[in-house]
Amino acid sequence: MGGMTADPACFETPRPRGLFFSLDGPDGGGKTTQAALLAAWLRARGQNVVACRDPGGTPLGDRLRPILLDRDGAAVGLRAEMLLYMASRAQLVEEVIRPSLAAGRVVVSDRFLLANIVYQGDAGGLPVDEVGQVGRAATGGLLPDLTIVLDVPADVAKARVGRARDRIEDRPDDYRARVRTGFLRAACDWPAGHCPYYPAPIVVVDATGEPNDVTTRIRSEVQRVLALDPRT
């Protein structure tokens, strides 16, 4: 046995997997602002944070985003819309999210797969199970450790959004109502074990109150996950 040199890699401590949080919900819930605040708060607590948005976050995703959202762009059918979102997300997972988690970082994403299940599934009419299956194929099965749904009634959301800025916000009031119902249905189905289309933890935060109150509630939910993580 003499003369054999052990590979130093054999003695390396495996790098822990990071944590993945996504903020989602109807337009007008303040998720983009709250995602930025959450990332800043986590950094202040010493976490190595990677913030991203979905769709987007990569050169490919940033090219697909205007195709999906530009009101004056080419017409996009509902199924094509769903698949373009999935393509952007697949690249985001491969290029940003998985490497960040493998390095032990905390990822905060402005939207993720649940958005497509709701927007093209519940609200758009595609089968939610089908959207979920395509989504899990696109992400290689990766889902957030916690999805925080910022909930606002449709009338409040519409007032906050104001004049539509993209093709999704252009859609009618009944579509917006179905969006909200879809997010709440997923949140109700998950703890009951009836959410095979999105088998990941979901919590709902009432986003109709003061922004500081919403921020506090989000931090509380994230802190709960951090407390369960032996690395923190």
Protein backbone atom coordinates (compact mmCIF):
# COMPACT_ATOMS: atom_id res chain seq x y z
CA MET A 1 0.00 0.00 0.00
CA GLY A 2 3.02 2.22 0.44
CA GLY A 3 3.58 4.78 -2.24
CA MET A 4 -0.12 5.33 -2.88
CA THR A 5 -1.17 8.92 -2.35
CA ALA A 6 -4.68 9.59 -1.21
CA ASP A 7 -6.69 11.98 -3.33
CA PRO A 8 -7.15 15.18 -1.26
CA ALA A 9 -10.67 15.44 -2.68
CA CYS A 10 -11.61 12.38 -0.64
CA PHE A 11 -11.22 14.44 2.52
CA GLU A 12 -13.08 17.55 1.36
CA THR A 13 -16.27 18.39 3.20
CA PRO A 14 -19.18 18.33 0.73
CA ARG A 15 -20.40 21.83 -0.04
CA PRO A 16 -23.89 22.33 1.40
CA ARG A 17 -26.80 23.05 -0.91
CA GLY A 18 -28.14 26.58 -0.71
CA LEU A 19 -31.75 27.68 -0.23
CA PHE A 20 -34.18 28.80 -2.91
CA PHE A 21 -37.02 31.29 -2.33
CA SER A 22 -39.43 32.58 -4.95
CA LEU A 23 -41.95 35.41 -4.67
CA ASP A 24 -45.05 35.15 -6.81
CA GLY A 25 -48.68 36.20 -7.04
CA PRO A 26 -50.94 38.42 -9.13
CA ASP A 27 -49.52 41.53 -10.77
CA GLY A 28 -49.87 44.43 -8.36
CA GLY A 29 -48.84 42.47 -5.28
CA GLY A 30 -45.45 44.18 -5.01
CA LYS A 31 -43.37 41.05 -5.52
CA THR A 32 -40.53 42.76 -7.41
CA THR A 33 -40.06 45.33 -4.65
CA GLN A 34 -40.39 42.73 -1.91
CA ALA A 35 -37.95 40.34 -3.63
CA ALA A 36 -35.33 43.11 -3.69
CA LEU A 37 -35.97 43.93 -0.03
CA LEU A 38 -35.72 40.25 0.92
CA ALA A 39 -32.42 39.85 -0.90
CA ALA A 40 -31.00 42.95 0.83
CA TRP A 41 -32.18 41.71 4.25
CA LEU A 42 -30.60 38.30 3.73
CA ARG A 43 -27.33 39.89 2.66
CA ALA A 44 -27.36 42.04 5.79
CA ARG A 45 -27.66 38.80 7.78
CA GLY A 46 -24.48 37.49 6.16
CA GLN A 47 -26.05 35.32 3.48
CA ASN A 48 -24.48 35.05 0.04
CA VAL A 49 -27.52 35.94 -2.07
CA VAL A 50 -28.21 35.64 -5.78
CA ALA A 51 -31.28 37.54 -6.99
CA CYS A 52 -32.91 36.79 -10.33
CA ARG A 53 -36.12 37.33 -12.26
CA ASP A 54 -38.18 34.88 -14.28
CA PRO A 55 -38.45 35.25 -17.24
CA GLY A 56 -35.00 36.69 -17.76
CA GLY A 57 -31.81 36.53 -15.73
CA THR A 58 -29.64 35.14 -18.56
CA PRO A 59 -28.72 36.41 -22.03
CA LEU A 60 -31.25 33.98 -23.53
CA GLY A 61 -33.93 34.80 -20.98
CA ASP A 62 -33.46 38.53 -21.46
CA ARG A 63 -34.06 38.05 -25.20
CA LEU A 64 -37.18 35.97 -24.60
CA ARG A 65 -38.66 38.37 -22.02
CA PRO A 66 -39.68 41.10 -24.50
CA ILE A 67 -41.08 38.49 -26.88
CA LEU A 68 -43.32 37.28 -24.06
CA LEU A 69 -44.30 40.65 -22.61
CA ASP A 70 -44.10 43.28 -25.36
CA ARG A 71 -47.63 44.46 -26.10
CA ASP A 72 -46.72 45.37 -29.69
CA GLY A 73 -44.70 42.26 -30.48
CA ALA A 74 -45.61 39.22 -32.55
CA ALA A 75 -48.69 37.26 -31.54
CA VAL A 76 -47.89 34.35 -29.23
CA GLY A 77 -50.36 31.50 -28.71
CA LEU A 78 -51.01 30.30 -25.18
CA ARG A 79 -49.14 27.00 -25.54
CA ALA A 80 -46.20 28.71 -27.28
CA GLU A 81 -46.24 31.33 -24.51
CA MET A 82 -45.98 28.62 -21.89
CA LEU A 83 -43.12 26.89 -23.70
CA LEU A 84 -41.17 30.13 -24.16
CA TYR A 85 -41.43 30.77 -20.42
CA MET A 86 -40.17 27.24 -19.81
CA ALA A 87 -37.22 27.75 -22.17
CA SER A 88 -36.21 30.91 -20.33
CA ARG A 89 -36.56 29.14 -16.99
CA ALA A 90 -34.57 26.09 -18.12
CA GLN A 91 -31.65 28.36 -18.99
CA LEU A 92 -32.01 30.29 -15.72
CA VAL A 93 -31.88 27.06 -13.71
CA GLU A 94 -28.90 25.70 -15.63
CA GLU A 95 -26.90 28.91 -15.77
CA VAL A 96 -27.75 30.65 -12.48
CA ILE A 97 -29.90 28.82 -9.95
CA ARG A 98 -28.35 25.33 -9.80
CA PRO A 99 -24.75 26.59 -9.70
CA SER A 100 -25.68 29.08 -6.99
CA LEU A 101 -27.37 26.42 -4.86
CA ALA A 102 -24.45 24.05 -5.38
CA ALA A 103 -22.16 26.79 -4.07
CA GLY A 104 -24.30 27.12 -0.92
CA ARG A 105 -25.83 30.47 -1.85
CA VAL A 106 -29.37 31.68 -1.22
CA VAL A 107 -31.39 32.32 -4.37
CA VAL A 108 -34.29 34.80 -4.40
CA SER A 109 -36.34 34.73 -7.60
CA ASP A 110 -38.98 37.18 -8.76
CA ARG A 111 -41.47 34.52 -10.02
CA PHE A 112 -40.87 30.87 -10.90
CA LEU A 113 -42.83 27.87 -12.17
CA LEU A 114 -46.01 28.46 -10.16
CA ALA A 115 -46.64 31.60 -12.23
CA ASN A 116 -47.01 29.58 -15.44
CA ILE A 117 -49.18 26.96 -13.80
CA VAL A 118 -51.53 29.77 -12.80
CA TYR A 119 -51.29 32.21 -15.72
CA GLN A 120 -51.39 29.69 -18.58
CA GLY A 121 -53.10 26.91 -16.63
CA ASP A 122 -55.74 28.13 -14.19
CA ALA A 123 -56.33 31.44 -15.95
CA GLY A 124 -55.48 30.51 -19.53
CA GLY A 125 -57.13 27.12 -19.76
CA LEU A 126 -54.19 24.76 -20.29
CA PRO A 127 -54.32 21.67 -18.03
CA VAL A 128 -52.44 22.56 -14.84
CA ASP A 129 -51.01 19.05 -14.53
CA GLU A 130 -49.59 19.33 -18.04
CA VAL A 131 -48.03 22.73 -17.34
CA GLY A 132 -46.57 21.37 -14.12
CA GLN A 133 -45.08 18.35 -15.89
CA VAL A 134 -43.49 20.49 -18.61
CA GLY A 135 -42.21 22.83 -15.94
CA ARG A 136 -40.57 20.10 -13.90
CA ALA A 137 -38.94 18.77 -17.06
CA ALA A 138 -37.63 22.26 -17.84
CA THR A 139 -36.16 22.69 -14.35
CA GLY A 140 -34.94 19.11 -13.95
CA GLY A 141 -37.32 18.79 -11.01
CA LEU A 142 -35.93 21.81 -9.17
CA LEU A 143 -38.52 23.72 -7.11
CA PRO A 144 -38.13 26.45 -4.47
CA ASP A 145 -37.71 25.59 -0.81
CA LEU A 146 -40.48 28.14 -0.26
CA THR A 147 -42.81 30.00 -2.62
CA ILE A 148 -44.30 33.15 -1.13
CA VAL A 149 -47.52 34.22 -2.83
CA LEU A 150 -48.30 37.91 -2.35
CA ASP A 151 -52.07 37.99 -2.49
CA VAL A 152 -54.17 41.00 -3.50
CA PRO A 153 -57.82 41.14 -4.63
CA ALA A 154 -58.23 41.66 -8.36
CA ASP A 155 -59.64 45.18 -8.00
CA VAL A 156 -56.77 46.27 -5.76
CA ALA A 157 -54.23 44.71 -8.12
CA LYS A 158 -55.77 46.47 -11.11
CA ALA A 159 -55.71 49.83 -9.34
CA ARG A 160 -52.06 49.36 -8.37
CA VAL A 161 -50.95 48.29 -11.83
CA GLY A 162 -52.80 51.16 -13.46
CA ARG A 163 -52.39 51.38 -17.18
CA ALA A 164 -51.29 48.02 -18.58
CA ARG A 165 -47.58 47.88 -19.35
CA ASP A 166 -47.33 44.45 -21.00
CA ARG A 167 -49.41 41.87 -22.82
CA ILE A 168 -50.21 39.91 -19.65
CA GLU A 169 -51.48 43.00 -17.82
CA ASP A 170 -53.58 43.77 -20.92
CA ARG A 171 -55.78 40.75 -20.29
CA PRO A 172 -59.37 41.24 -19.07
CA ASP A 173 -60.70 41.38 -15.53
CA ASP A 174 -62.04 37.82 -15.57
CA TYR A 175 -58.54 36.59 -16.45
CA ARG A 176 -57.10 38.52 -13.49
CA ALA A 177 -59.71 36.99 -11.21
CA ARG A 178 -58.78 33.48 -12.36
CA VAL A 179 -55.11 34.28 -11.73
CA ARG A 180 -55.80 35.10 -8.11
CA THR A 181 -58.02 32.04 -7.69
CA GLY A 182 -55.28 29.85 -9.16
CA PHE A 183 -52.63 31.03 -6.74
CA LEU A 184 -54.95 30.57 -3.76
CA ARG A 185 -56.01 27.12 -4.98
CA ALA A 186 -52.38 25.98 -5.16
CA ALA A 187 -51.72 27.34 -1.67
CA CYS A 188 -54.74 25.43 -0.33
CA ASP A 189 -53.92 22.24 -2.24
CA TRP A 190 -50.28 21.97 -1.18
CA PRO A 191 -50.65 21.38 2.59
CA ALA A 192 -53.55 19.02 1.89
CA GLY A 193 -51.29 16.90 -0.31
CA HIS A 194 -53.36 17.55 -3.43
CA CYS A 195 -50.87 19.63 -5.41
CA PRO A 196 -48.96 17.16 -7.65
CA TYR A 197 -48.58 19.89 -10.26
CA TYR A 198 -46.43 21.93 -7.83
CA PRO A 199 -45.14 19.73 -5.00
CA ALA A 200 -43.32 22.46 -3.08
CA PRO A 201 -44.13 24.56 0.02
CA ILE A 202 -46.36 27.60 -0.57
CA VAL A 203 -47.38 30.31 1.88
CA VAL A 204 -49.75 33.21 1.22
CA VAL A 205 -48.97 36.70 2.48
CA ASP A 206 -51.69 39.35 2.45
CA ALA A 207 -50.16 42.12 0.36
CA THR A 208 -52.99 44.64 0.75
CA GLY A 209 -51.49 46.22 3.86
CA GLU A 210 -48.64 48.64 4.39
CA PRO A 211 -45.46 47.58 2.56
CA ASN A 212 -43.51 47.42 5.84
CA ASP A 213 -46.05 45.00 7.28
CA VAL A 214 -45.79 42.82 4.18
CA THR A 215 -42.00 42.88 4.45
CA THR A 216 -42.16 41.80 8.09
CA ARG A 217 -44.42 38.86 7.27
CA ILE A 218 -42.19 37.74 4.42
CA ARG A 219 -39.14 37.86 6.66
CA SER A 220 -40.97 35.81 9.27
CA GLU A 221 -41.76 33.09 6.73
CA VAL A 222 -38.19 33.06 5.40
CA GLN A 223 -36.78 33.01 8.93
CA ARG A 224 -38.87 29.93 9.62
CA VAL A 225 -37.13 28.12 6.75
CA LEU A 226 -33.70 29.38 7.79
CA ALA A 227 -34.31 28.13 11.33
CA LEU A 228 -35.01 24.64 9.99
CA ASP A 229 -31.74 24.67 8.08
CA PRO A 230 -28.88 23.32 10.22
CA ARG A 231 -26.36 25.43 8.26
CA THR A 232 -27.77 28.72 9.61
